[in-house]
């Protein structure tokens, strides 16, 4: 992740520290996911990310959530899942 992405993620996580679970606005849910990613709670981040994609398709945070999921799946050596998620991100911009 580059320093800009890290800064944005940190800002959103701090701006919405009251967000504790999915079910809010796309921005609140994204902030929750960013917090999980920053704290290294991979299992919870993946679950929240998948739910975010389901609940907020086409939202501004969708691409970053897809990127987070793709990177996480790759790190976990779940290459097929990583390809599916990252391909979806690319399809959003075709």
N, C-alpha and C. Protein backbone atom coordinates (compact mmCIF):
# COMPACT_ATOMS: atom_id res chain seq x y z
N UNK A 1 0.86 -1.16 0.00
CA UNK A 1 0.00 0.00 0.00
C UNK A 1 0.91 1.23 0.00
N UNK A 2 0.59 2.22 -0.83
CA UNK A 2 1.42 3.41 -0.84
C UNK A 2 1.06 4.34 0.31
N UNK A 3 1.87 5.37 0.50
CA UNK A 3 1.66 6.25 1.67
C UNK A 3 0.34 7.01 1.58
N UNK A 4 -0.11 7.34 0.37
CA UNK A 4 -1.39 8.04 0.24
C UNK A 4 -2.54 7.14 0.70
N UNK A 5 -2.53 5.89 0.24
CA UNK A 5 -3.58 4.96 0.65
C UNK A 5 -3.56 4.73 2.14
N UNK A 6 -2.37 4.61 2.69
CA UNK A 6 -2.24 4.43 4.14
C UNK A 6 -2.79 5.63 4.88
N UNK A 7 -2.50 6.83 4.38
CA UNK A 7 -3.00 8.06 5.02
C UNK A 7 -4.52 8.14 4.96
N UNK A 8 -5.09 7.84 3.81
CA UNK A 8 -6.55 7.87 3.65
C UNK A 8 -7.19 6.84 4.57
N UNK A 9 -6.62 5.65 4.59
CA UNK A 9 -7.16 4.58 5.44
C UNK A 9 -7.11 5.01 6.91
N UNK A 10 -5.99 5.55 7.33
CA UNK A 10 -5.85 5.99 8.72
C UNK A 10 -6.83 7.10 9.05
N UNK A 11 -7.00 8.05 8.13
CA UNK A 11 -7.93 9.15 8.34
C UNK A 11 -9.35 8.63 8.51
N UNK A 12 -9.76 7.76 7.61
CA UNK A 12 -11.12 7.23 7.69
C UNK A 12 -11.33 6.41 8.96
N UNK A 13 -10.33 5.66 9.33
CA UNK A 13 -10.44 4.86 10.55
C UNK A 13 -10.59 5.76 11.77
N UNK A 14 -9.85 6.84 11.82
CA UNK A 14 -9.95 7.77 12.94
C UNK A 14 -11.25 8.57 12.91
N UNK A 15 -11.68 8.92 11.71
CA UNK A 15 -12.88 9.75 11.59
C UNK A 15 -14.14 9.00 12.00
N UNK A 16 -14.11 7.70 11.91
CA UNK A 16 -15.30 6.92 12.20
C UNK A 16 -15.03 5.83 13.23
N UNK A 17 -14.37 6.19 14.30
CA UNK A 17 -14.02 5.20 15.32
C UNK A 17 -15.24 4.65 16.03
N UNK A 18 -16.40 5.30 15.90
CA UNK A 18 -17.60 4.78 16.54
C UNK A 18 -18.21 3.62 15.76
N UNK A 19 -17.75 3.39 14.55
CA UNK A 19 -18.28 2.29 13.75
C UNK A 19 -17.71 0.97 14.26
N UNK A 20 -18.59 0.11 14.76
CA UNK A 20 -18.12 -1.15 15.32
C UNK A 20 -18.58 -2.37 14.53
N UNK A 21 -19.53 -2.21 13.66
CA UNK A 21 -20.01 -3.35 12.88
C UNK A 21 -20.64 -2.86 11.60
N UNK A 22 -20.74 -3.75 10.64
CA UNK A 22 -21.35 -3.38 9.37
C UNK A 22 -22.84 -3.19 9.55
N UNK A 23 -23.40 -2.41 8.66
CA UNK A 23 -24.83 -2.15 8.71
C UNK A 23 -25.13 -0.67 8.66
N UNK A 24 -24.09 0.14 8.59
CA UNK A 24 -24.28 1.58 8.51
C UNK A 24 -24.18 2.04 7.07
N UNK A 25 -23.75 3.27 6.90
CA UNK A 25 -23.55 3.79 5.56
C UNK A 25 -22.31 3.14 4.96
N UNK A 26 -22.15 3.30 3.67
CA UNK A 26 -20.96 2.74 3.00
C UNK A 26 -19.69 3.31 3.63
N UNK A 27 -19.68 4.60 3.94
CA UNK A 27 -18.49 5.22 4.52
C UNK A 27 -18.20 4.67 5.91
N UNK A 28 -19.22 4.50 6.72
CA UNK A 28 -19.03 3.94 8.06
C UNK A 28 -18.51 2.50 7.98
N UNK A 29 -19.11 1.73 7.08
CA UNK A 29 -18.68 0.35 6.94
C UNK A 29 -17.26 0.27 6.39
N UNK A 30 -16.91 1.15 5.45
CA UNK A 30 -15.55 1.17 4.93
C UNK A 30 -14.56 1.51 6.05
N UNK A 31 -14.91 2.47 6.87
CA UNK A 31 -14.03 2.86 7.97
C UNK A 31 -13.80 1.68 8.92
N UNK A 32 -14.85 0.91 9.16
CA UNK A 32 -14.72 -0.28 10.02
C UNK A 32 -13.75 -1.28 9.39
N UNK A 33 -13.88 -1.50 8.11
CA UNK A 33 -12.99 -2.43 7.39
C UNK A 33 -11.56 -1.92 7.43
N UNK A 34 -11.38 -0.62 7.22
CA UNK A 34 -10.04 -0.04 7.27
C UNK A 34 -9.41 -0.22 8.64
N UNK A 35 -10.20 -0.07 9.68
CA UNK A 35 -9.70 -0.27 11.04
C UNK A 35 -9.28 -1.72 11.25
N UNK A 36 -10.10 -2.65 10.78
CA UNK A 36 -9.76 -4.07 10.90
C UNK A 36 -8.47 -4.38 10.15
N UNK A 37 -8.31 -3.80 8.97
CA UNK A 37 -7.10 -4.02 8.18
C UNK A 37 -5.88 -3.46 8.90
N UNK A 38 -5.99 -2.26 9.42
CA UNK A 38 -4.86 -1.62 10.11
C UNK A 38 -4.47 -2.37 11.38
N UNK A 39 -5.43 -2.97 12.06
CA UNK A 39 -5.13 -3.69 13.30
C UNK A 39 -4.72 -5.14 13.04
N UNK A 40 -4.80 -5.57 11.78
CA UNK A 40 -4.36 -6.91 11.43
C UNK A 40 -5.37 -8.01 11.72
N UNK A 41 -6.62 -7.64 11.93
CA UNK A 41 -7.66 -8.64 12.18
C UNK A 41 -8.16 -9.16 10.83
N UNK A 42 -7.36 -10.01 10.23
CA UNK A 42 -7.59 -10.47 8.86
C UNK A 42 -8.91 -11.20 8.69
N UNK A 43 -9.20 -12.11 9.58
CA UNK A 43 -10.43 -12.90 9.45
C UNK A 43 -11.67 -12.00 9.48
N UNK A 44 -11.70 -11.07 10.43
CA UNK A 44 -12.84 -10.15 10.53
C UNK A 44 -12.88 -9.19 9.34
N UNK A 45 -11.70 -8.77 8.85
CA UNK A 45 -11.66 -7.86 7.71
C UNK A 45 -12.21 -8.54 6.46
N UNK A 46 -11.86 -9.80 6.25
CA UNK A 46 -12.37 -10.53 5.08
C UNK A 46 -13.89 -10.67 5.18
N UNK A 47 -14.39 -11.06 6.32
CA UNK A 47 -15.84 -11.22 6.50
C UNK A 47 -16.55 -9.88 6.28
N UNK A 48 -16.01 -8.82 6.86
CA UNK A 48 -16.62 -7.49 6.71
C UNK A 48 -16.51 -7.01 5.27
N UNK A 49 -15.38 -7.29 4.62
CA UNK A 49 -15.20 -6.88 3.23
C UNK A 49 -16.18 -7.56 2.30
N UNK A 50 -16.37 -8.85 2.50
CA UNK A 50 -17.33 -9.58 1.67
C UNK A 50 -18.75 -9.06 1.88
N UNK A 51 -19.08 -8.74 3.12
CA UNK A 51 -20.42 -8.20 3.40
C UNK A 51 -20.56 -6.79 2.81
N UNK A 52 -19.48 -5.99 2.86
CA UNK A 52 -19.50 -4.66 2.28
C UNK A 52 -19.82 -4.74 0.78
N UNK A 53 -19.14 -5.64 0.08
CA UNK A 53 -19.35 -5.78 -1.37
C UNK A 53 -20.80 -6.16 -1.65
N UNK A 54 -21.36 -6.99 -0.80
CA UNK A 54 -22.76 -7.40 -0.96
C UNK A 54 -23.73 -6.25 -0.68
N UNK A 55 -23.44 -5.47 0.37
CA UNK A 55 -24.36 -4.41 0.81
C UNK A 55 -24.19 -3.09 0.09
N UNK A 56 -23.02 -2.82 -0.45
CA UNK A 56 -22.74 -1.51 -1.04
C UNK A 56 -22.12 -1.62 -2.44
N UNK A 57 -22.74 -2.36 -3.35
CA UNK A 57 -22.15 -2.47 -4.69
C UNK A 57 -22.12 -1.11 -5.38
N UNK A 58 -21.01 -0.83 -6.03
CA UNK A 58 -20.87 0.43 -6.76
C UNK A 58 -20.54 1.63 -5.90
N UNK A 59 -20.36 1.44 -4.61
CA UNK A 59 -20.04 2.57 -3.74
C UNK A 59 -18.60 3.02 -3.96
N UNK A 60 -18.27 4.25 -3.57
CA UNK A 60 -16.90 4.74 -3.77
C UNK A 60 -15.82 3.88 -3.09
N UNK A 61 -16.13 3.21 -2.02
CA UNK A 61 -15.13 2.40 -1.32
C UNK A 61 -14.98 1.00 -1.86
N UNK A 62 -15.82 0.63 -2.82
CA UNK A 62 -15.81 -0.75 -3.32
C UNK A 62 -14.45 -1.16 -3.86
N UNK A 63 -13.80 -0.31 -4.64
CA UNK A 63 -12.51 -0.68 -5.23
C UNK A 63 -11.45 -0.96 -4.16
N UNK A 64 -11.39 -0.12 -3.14
CA UNK A 64 -10.40 -0.36 -2.09
C UNK A 64 -10.70 -1.63 -1.32
N UNK A 65 -11.96 -1.89 -1.05
CA UNK A 65 -12.33 -3.12 -0.35
C UNK A 65 -11.97 -4.33 -1.20
N UNK A 66 -12.25 -4.27 -2.50
CA UNK A 66 -11.85 -5.37 -3.38
C UNK A 66 -10.34 -5.54 -3.39
N UNK A 67 -9.59 -4.44 -3.40
CA UNK A 67 -8.14 -4.51 -3.35
C UNK A 67 -7.67 -5.15 -2.05
N UNK A 68 -8.23 -4.71 -0.93
CA UNK A 68 -7.88 -5.30 0.37
C UNK A 68 -8.14 -6.80 0.37
N UNK A 69 -9.31 -7.20 -0.14
CA UNK A 69 -9.64 -8.62 -0.17
C UNK A 69 -8.68 -9.38 -1.07
N UNK A 70 -8.41 -8.84 -2.25
CA UNK A 70 -7.49 -9.50 -3.18
C UNK A 70 -6.11 -9.67 -2.60
N UNK A 71 -5.60 -8.63 -1.94
CA UNK A 71 -4.28 -8.72 -1.32
C UNK A 71 -4.28 -9.74 -0.18
N UNK A 72 -5.34 -9.74 0.60
CA UNK A 72 -5.43 -10.67 1.73
C UNK A 72 -5.50 -12.11 1.24
N UNK A 73 -6.35 -12.36 0.25
CA UNK A 73 -6.44 -13.71 -0.29
C UNK A 73 -5.09 -14.17 -0.85
N UNK A 74 -4.40 -13.26 -1.52
CA UNK A 74 -3.09 -13.61 -2.08
C UNK A 74 -2.11 -13.96 -0.97
N UNK A 75 -2.09 -13.17 0.08
CA UNK A 75 -1.21 -13.44 1.23
C UNK A 75 -1.53 -14.79 1.86
N UNK A 76 -2.81 -15.14 1.87
CA UNK A 76 -3.25 -16.42 2.43
C UNK A 76 -3.08 -17.58 1.44
N UNK A 77 -2.49 -17.28 0.29
CA UNK A 77 -2.29 -18.27 -0.77
C UNK A 77 -3.61 -18.82 -1.33
N UNK A 78 -4.65 -18.00 -1.25
CA UNK A 78 -5.94 -18.33 -1.85
C UNK A 78 -5.99 -17.61 -3.21
N UNK A 79 -5.17 -18.12 -4.12
CA UNK A 79 -4.94 -17.43 -5.38
C UNK A 79 -6.18 -17.33 -6.26
N UNK A 80 -6.99 -18.36 -6.30
CA UNK A 80 -8.20 -18.31 -7.13
C UNK A 80 -9.14 -17.21 -6.64
N UNK A 81 -9.33 -17.14 -5.32
CA UNK A 81 -10.19 -16.09 -4.76
C UNK A 81 -9.62 -14.71 -5.04
N UNK A 82 -8.31 -14.60 -4.93
CA UNK A 82 -7.65 -13.32 -5.19
C UNK A 82 -7.89 -12.87 -6.63
N UNK A 83 -7.74 -13.80 -7.57
CA UNK A 83 -7.95 -13.47 -8.99
C UNK A 83 -9.38 -13.04 -9.24
N UNK A 84 -10.34 -13.73 -8.66
CA UNK A 84 -11.76 -13.39 -8.85
C UNK A 84 -12.04 -11.98 -8.35
N UNK A 85 -11.57 -11.68 -7.14
CA UNK A 85 -11.85 -10.38 -6.54
C UNK A 85 -11.15 -9.25 -7.30
N UNK A 86 -9.87 -9.45 -7.63
CA UNK A 86 -9.14 -8.40 -8.34
C UNK A 86 -9.66 -8.23 -9.76
N UNK A 87 -10.13 -9.31 -10.37
CA UNK A 87 -10.73 -9.19 -11.71
C UNK A 87 -12.00 -8.37 -11.65
N UNK A 88 -12.77 -8.55 -10.61
CA UNK A 88 -14.00 -7.75 -10.44
C UNK A 88 -13.64 -6.27 -10.31
N UNK A 89 -12.58 -5.98 -9.58
CA UNK A 89 -12.16 -4.59 -9.44
C UNK A 89 -11.81 -4.01 -10.81
N UNK A 90 -11.07 -4.78 -11.60
CA UNK A 90 -10.69 -4.31 -12.93
C UNK A 90 -11.90 -4.15 -13.85
N UNK A 91 -12.86 -5.05 -13.74
CA UNK A 91 -14.08 -4.97 -14.55
C UNK A 91 -14.88 -3.70 -14.25
N UNK A 92 -14.78 -3.21 -13.04
CA UNK A 92 -15.47 -1.98 -12.67
C UNK A 92 -14.96 -0.77 -13.47
N UNK A 93 -13.79 -0.92 -14.07
CA UNK A 93 -13.18 0.21 -14.78
C UNK A 93 -13.01 -0.07 -16.27
N UNK A 94 -13.63 -1.14 -16.76
CA UNK A 94 -13.49 -1.48 -18.18
C UNK A 94 -14.43 -0.67 -19.03
